[in-house]
């Protein structure tokens, strides 16, 4: 299956670098991440096209057969234009549609209001990574704390391994040794670099931390990893997307994810 979505191509790039398995079927891919079984978008089906009429419920059955122990259902839809399938049929199958905007840039402009008080650097100690986990938990909404912590800890362990192997880094904005904002930027060395989980602590927003951190990471990626194509995926309804656009990112395509909503 030839994946056309830049978002899914970079998702799969980072997952396979971390040991995830991608199995090809006739009209979809099965993506498995044994190291993090509760990671919805590490354990999912990637459909070659939106569900055809009459097939939405059937795709849920396919997922259940491939992931019999999973508590979730996650179906990605390849494509660039944002087609998801028939809304009425998806709703009848209790599938919610999440549309994200994929933005790209070859270089970034400095932020209009850069933060000049924090220290911006890569994570380089156990304490830094522990703070990264705490930051992730501070931004958690809607998930059970224990389940989320296990997922987030495993995901960060994967990022730490990528950093140790030279495939990118986790960057943080620190004030007096305390992590206020963080993000990952990772690459396979082929020129593409994908941002991951840009997060600012709720008590330290609107201080230019995230935009300065994004710009700092981009400069590092160009200098040290020869990354000349930056990719970031954002919620089109959340204000962060305007900050990305102000830095020089441009809307490139849409990404579709289908999640099962309990009846």
Protein backbone atom coordinates (compact mmCIF):
# COMPACT_ATOMS: atom_id res chain seq x y z
CA UNK A 1 0.00 0.00 0.00
CA UNK A 2 1.43 3.35 -1.06
CA UNK A 3 0.66 5.84 1.73
CA UNK A 4 -0.06 9.30 0.29
CA UNK A 5 -0.72 11.18 3.54
CA UNK A 6 2.36 13.04 4.75
CA UNK A 7 0.99 12.87 8.28
CA UNK A 8 0.70 9.10 8.20
CA UNK A 9 4.00 8.68 6.37
CA UNK A 10 5.81 10.55 9.13
CA UNK A 11 3.77 8.76 11.82
CA UNK A 12 4.85 5.42 10.38
CA UNK A 13 8.43 6.66 9.98
CA UNK A 14 8.71 7.37 13.70
CA UNK A 15 6.79 4.29 14.81
CA UNK A 16 8.94 1.91 12.77
CA UNK A 17 12.10 3.59 14.08
CA UNK A 18 10.82 2.69 17.56
CA UNK A 19 10.16 -0.93 16.70
CA UNK A 20 6.51 -0.87 15.70
CA UNK A 21 5.43 -3.43 13.11
CA UNK A 22 3.50 -2.57 9.95
CA UNK A 23 1.69 -5.45 8.26
CA UNK A 24 0.23 -5.00 4.78
CA UNK A 25 -3.20 -6.30 3.83
CA UNK A 26 -5.11 -5.97 0.54
CA UNK A 27 -6.62 -2.57 1.30
CA UNK A 28 -5.17 -1.49 4.63
CA UNK A 29 -2.18 -1.60 6.94
CA UNK A 30 -2.11 -3.04 10.45
CA UNK A 31 0.16 -1.01 12.72
CA UNK A 32 1.26 -2.63 15.99
CA UNK A 33 3.31 -1.18 18.85
CA UNK A 34 3.82 -4.03 21.34
CA UNK A 35 5.90 -1.78 23.60
CA UNK A 36 2.88 0.50 24.16
CA UNK A 37 -0.35 -1.47 23.72
CA UNK A 38 -2.65 1.30 25.02
CA UNK A 39 -1.30 3.84 22.50
CA UNK A 40 -4.29 4.19 20.18
CA UNK A 41 -2.32 5.64 17.27
CA UNK A 42 0.43 3.09 17.66
CA UNK A 43 -2.08 0.24 17.38
CA UNK A 44 -4.50 0.93 14.55
CA UNK A 45 -5.63 0.14 11.02
CA UNK A 46 -4.68 2.52 8.22
CA UNK A 47 -7.31 2.26 5.49
CA UNK A 48 -6.29 2.92 1.89
CA UNK A 49 -9.46 4.98 1.37
CA UNK A 50 -12.49 6.17 3.35
CA UNK A 51 -14.91 3.39 4.31
CA UNK A 52 -17.04 2.51 1.30
CA UNK A 53 -20.83 2.59 1.71
CA UNK A 54 -21.98 -0.23 3.94
CA UNK A 55 -18.51 -1.05 5.36
CA UNK A 56 -18.01 1.20 8.41
CA UNK A 57 -19.21 -1.37 10.96
CA UNK A 58 -17.25 -4.06 9.13
CA UNK A 59 -14.00 -2.15 9.63
CA UNK A 60 -14.65 -2.20 13.38
CA UNK A 61 -14.93 -5.98 13.15
CA UNK A 62 -11.62 -6.12 11.26
CA UNK A 63 -9.98 -4.07 14.00
CA UNK A 64 -11.38 -6.35 16.71
CA UNK A 65 -9.98 -9.40 14.95
CA UNK A 66 -6.52 -7.83 14.61
CA UNK A 67 -6.48 -6.41 18.16
CA UNK A 68 -8.71 -8.72 20.24
CA UNK A 69 -7.37 -7.40 23.57
CA UNK A 70 -7.63 -3.69 22.75
CA UNK A 71 -10.09 -1.51 24.64
CA UNK A 72 -10.09 1.02 21.80
CA UNK A 73 -10.83 1.11 18.07
CA UNK A 74 -8.65 3.37 15.90
CA UNK A 75 -8.97 3.61 12.12
CA UNK A 76 -6.76 5.95 10.09
CA UNK A 77 -7.83 7.00 6.62
CA UNK A 78 -5.12 7.61 4.03
CA UNK A 79 -5.51 10.66 1.80
CA UNK A 80 -4.78 14.36 1.75
CA UNK A 81 -8.13 16.09 1.18
CA UNK A 82 -9.91 15.12 4.41
CA UNK A 83 -12.45 12.62 3.07
CA UNK A 84 -13.73 10.39 5.87
CA UNK A 85 -16.74 8.52 4.50
CA UNK A 86 -20.48 8.94 4.84
CA UNK A 87 -21.19 10.91 8.04
CA UNK A 88 -24.52 9.21 8.70
CA UNK A 89 -23.03 5.74 8.40
CA UNK A 90 -20.03 6.64 10.55
CA UNK A 91 -22.34 8.00 13.24
CA UNK A 92 -24.47 4.84 13.10
CA UNK A 93 -21.30 2.81 13.69
CA UNK A 94 -20.41 5.13 16.61
CA UNK A 95 -17.26 6.31 14.85
CA UNK A 96 -16.20 9.88 15.55
CA UNK A 97 -14.17 11.80 12.98
CA UNK A 98 -11.09 13.73 14.04
CA UNK A 99 -9.76 16.08 11.36
CA UNK A 100 -6.28 17.52 11.82
CA UNK A 101 -4.40 20.00 9.68
CA UNK A 102 -0.95 19.01 8.44
CA UNK A 103 1.41 21.98 8.17
CA UNK A 104 4.86 22.06 6.61
CA UNK A 105 7.79 24.44 6.30
CA UNK A 106 11.33 24.41 4.94
CA UNK A 107 12.45 27.09 7.38
CA UNK A 108 10.85 29.09 10.18
CA UNK A 109 10.65 32.76 11.02
CA UNK A 110 11.70 33.85 14.53
CA UNK A 111 8.70 34.30 16.84
CA UNK A 112 7.27 37.80 17.06
CA UNK A 113 7.51 37.68 20.87
CA UNK A 114 10.41 35.37 21.69
CA UNK A 115 10.92 34.28 25.26
CA UNK A 116 14.28 35.57 26.48
CA UNK A 117 14.27 34.34 30.08
CA UNK A 118 14.01 30.54 29.78
CA UNK A 119 16.80 28.13 28.83
CA UNK A 120 16.02 26.10 25.72
CA UNK A 121 17.86 22.79 25.39
CA UNK A 122 17.57 19.05 24.82
CA UNK A 123 16.64 16.72 27.66
CA UNK A 124 19.87 15.22 29.01
CA UNK A 125 19.15 13.66 32.41
CA UNK A 126 16.75 11.33 34.17
CA UNK A 127 15.27 14.35 35.94
CA UNK A 128 14.60 16.09 32.60
CA UNK A 129 12.69 13.06 31.34
CA UNK A 130 10.78 12.75 34.63
CA UNK A 131 9.77 16.39 34.26
CA UNK A 132 8.70 15.70 30.68
CA UNK A 133 6.34 13.01 31.97
CA UNK A 134 4.95 15.36 34.62
CA UNK A 135 4.41 18.03 31.94
CA UNK A 136 2.53 15.55 29.80
CA UNK A 137 0.34 14.57 32.73
CA UNK A 138 -0.40 18.23 33.50
CA UNK A 139 -1.87 18.57 30.01
CA UNK A 140 -3.96 15.39 30.22
CA UNK A 141 -7.69 15.92 29.90
CA UNK A 142 -10.35 13.27 29.70
CA UNK A 143 -8.23 10.18 30.37
CA UNK A 144 -7.89 8.11 33.53
CA UNK A 145 -4.74 9.27 35.31
CA UNK A 146 -3.16 5.85 35.83
CA UNK A 147 -3.83 4.66 32.29
CA UNK A 148 -2.58 7.93 30.83
CA UNK A 149 0.61 7.87 32.88
CA UNK A 150 1.49 4.39 31.63
CA UNK A 151 0.86 5.40 28.02
CA UNK A 152 2.79 8.67 28.35
CA UNK A 153 5.73 7.04 30.14
CA UNK A 154 6.08 4.40 27.44
CA UNK A 155 5.81 6.97 24.67
CA UNK A 156 8.49 9.16 26.24
CA UNK A 157 10.72 6.11 26.65
CA UNK A 158 10.40 5.60 22.91
CA UNK A 159 11.34 9.23 22.26
CA UNK A 160 14.31 8.92 24.61
CA UNK A 161 15.51 5.89 22.69
CA UNK A 162 15.18 7.76 19.38
CA UNK A 163 17.25 10.60 20.82
CA UNK A 164 19.93 8.20 22.07
CA UNK A 165 20.18 6.70 18.58
CA UNK A 166 20.52 10.07 16.87
CA UNK A 167 17.03 10.25 15.35
CA UNK A 168 16.04 13.56 16.88
CA UNK A 169 15.54 14.95 20.35
CA UNK A 170 13.18 16.06 23.07
CA UNK A 171 13.56 19.78 23.69
CA UNK A 172 12.49 21.70 26.75
CA UNK A 173 12.10 25.26 27.96
CA UNK A 174 13.44 25.46 31.53
CA UNK A 175 13.14 28.19 34.13
CA UNK A 176 15.22 27.75 37.29
CA UNK A 177 15.66 24.11 36.34
CA UNK A 178 11.92 23.47 35.99
CA UNK A 179 10.42 22.35 32.68
CA UNK A 180 7.75 24.78 31.46
CA UNK A 181 7.27 23.61 27.85
CA UNK A 182 8.45 20.68 25.79
CA UNK A 183 8.28 19.03 22.40
CA UNK A 184 9.85 16.29 20.33
CA UNK A 185 11.36 16.68 16.87
CA UNK A 186 12.40 13.44 15.19
CA UNK A 187 13.72 12.29 11.83
CA UNK A 188 14.99 9.23 9.99
CA UNK A 189 17.80 11.28 8.44
CA UNK A 190 16.12 11.62 5.06
CA UNK A 191 15.32 15.34 5.32
CA UNK A 192 11.88 15.05 6.93
CA UNK A 193 11.49 15.99 10.60
CA UNK A 194 8.22 15.61 12.50
CA UNK A 195 7.21 17.54 15.61
CA UNK A 196 5.58 15.59 18.42
CA UNK A 197 3.45 16.63 21.41
CA UNK A 198 4.11 20.36 21.68
CA UNK A 199 3.06 21.10 25.28
CA UNK A 200 3.19 24.11 27.58
CA UNK A 201 2.33 23.80 31.27
CA UNK A 202 -1.12 25.34 31.88
CA UNK A 203 0.37 27.79 34.40
CA UNK A 204 2.99 29.11 31.98
CA UNK A 205 1.16 29.81 28.74
CA UNK A 206 1.23 33.04 26.71
CA UNK A 207 4.90 33.65 27.52
CA UNK A 208 6.38 32.80 24.10
CA UNK A 209 7.78 29.50 25.39
CA UNK A 210 6.30 27.15 22.78
CA UNK A 211 7.01 29.33 19.75
CA UNK A 212 10.59 29.97 20.85
CA UNK A 213 11.05 26.26 21.51
CA UNK A 214 9.65 25.27 18.09
CA UNK A 215 12.01 27.73 16.38
CA UNK A 216 15.00 26.59 18.45
CA UNK A 217 14.34 22.94 17.60
CA UNK A 218 14.00 23.75 13.90
CA UNK A 219 17.39 25.49 13.83
CA UNK A 220 18.97 22.53 15.57
CA UNK A 221 17.38 20.09 13.12
CA UNK A 222 18.63 21.98 10.08
CA UNK A 223 22.16 22.33 11.48
CA UNK A 224 22.65 18.89 12.99
CA UNK A 225 20.29 16.57 11.09
CA UNK A 226 20.09 18.24 7.65
CA UNK A 227 16.31 18.41 8.08
CA UNK A 228 14.90 20.67 5.39
CA UNK A 229 11.21 19.68 5.53
CA UNK A 230 9.44 20.26 8.86
CA UNK A 231 6.05 18.68 9.55
CA UNK A 232 3.61 19.48 12.35
CA UNK A 233 0.01 18.27 12.81
CA UNK A 234 -2.51 20.49 14.58
CA UNK A 235 -6.13 20.74 15.63
CA UNK A 236 -7.62 23.25 13.14
CA UNK A 237 -9.97 24.62 15.83
CA UNK A 238 -7.31 25.29 18.49
CA UNK A 239 -5.43 28.58 18.75
CA UNK A 240 -1.98 26.91 18.52
CA UNK A 241 -2.40 26.49 14.76
CA UNK A 242 -2.21 30.28 14.29
CA UNK A 243 1.08 30.35 16.21
CA UNK A 244 2.47 27.71 13.85
CA UNK A 245 1.34 29.68 10.81
CA UNK A 246 2.95 32.84 12.21
CA UNK A 247 6.27 30.95 12.41
CA UNK A 248 6.08 30.11 8.70
CA UNK A 249 4.19 26.81 8.59
CA UNK A 250 1.69 26.45 5.75
CA UNK A 251 -1.41 24.24 5.57
CA UNK A 252 -0.58 21.30 3.31
CA UNK A 253 -3.20 18.59 3.78
CA UNK A 254 -5.74 17.10 6.18
CA UNK A 255 -5.43 13.96 8.29
CA UNK A 256 -8.46 11.83 9.19
CA UNK A 257 -8.69 9.58 12.25
CA UNK A 258 -11.77 7.56 13.20
CA UNK A 259 -12.32 6.59 16.85
CA UNK A 260 -15.01 4.41 18.34
CA UNK A 261 -17.31 6.28 20.72
CA UNK A 262 -19.13 4.10 23.27
CA UNK A 263 -22.82 3.74 22.41
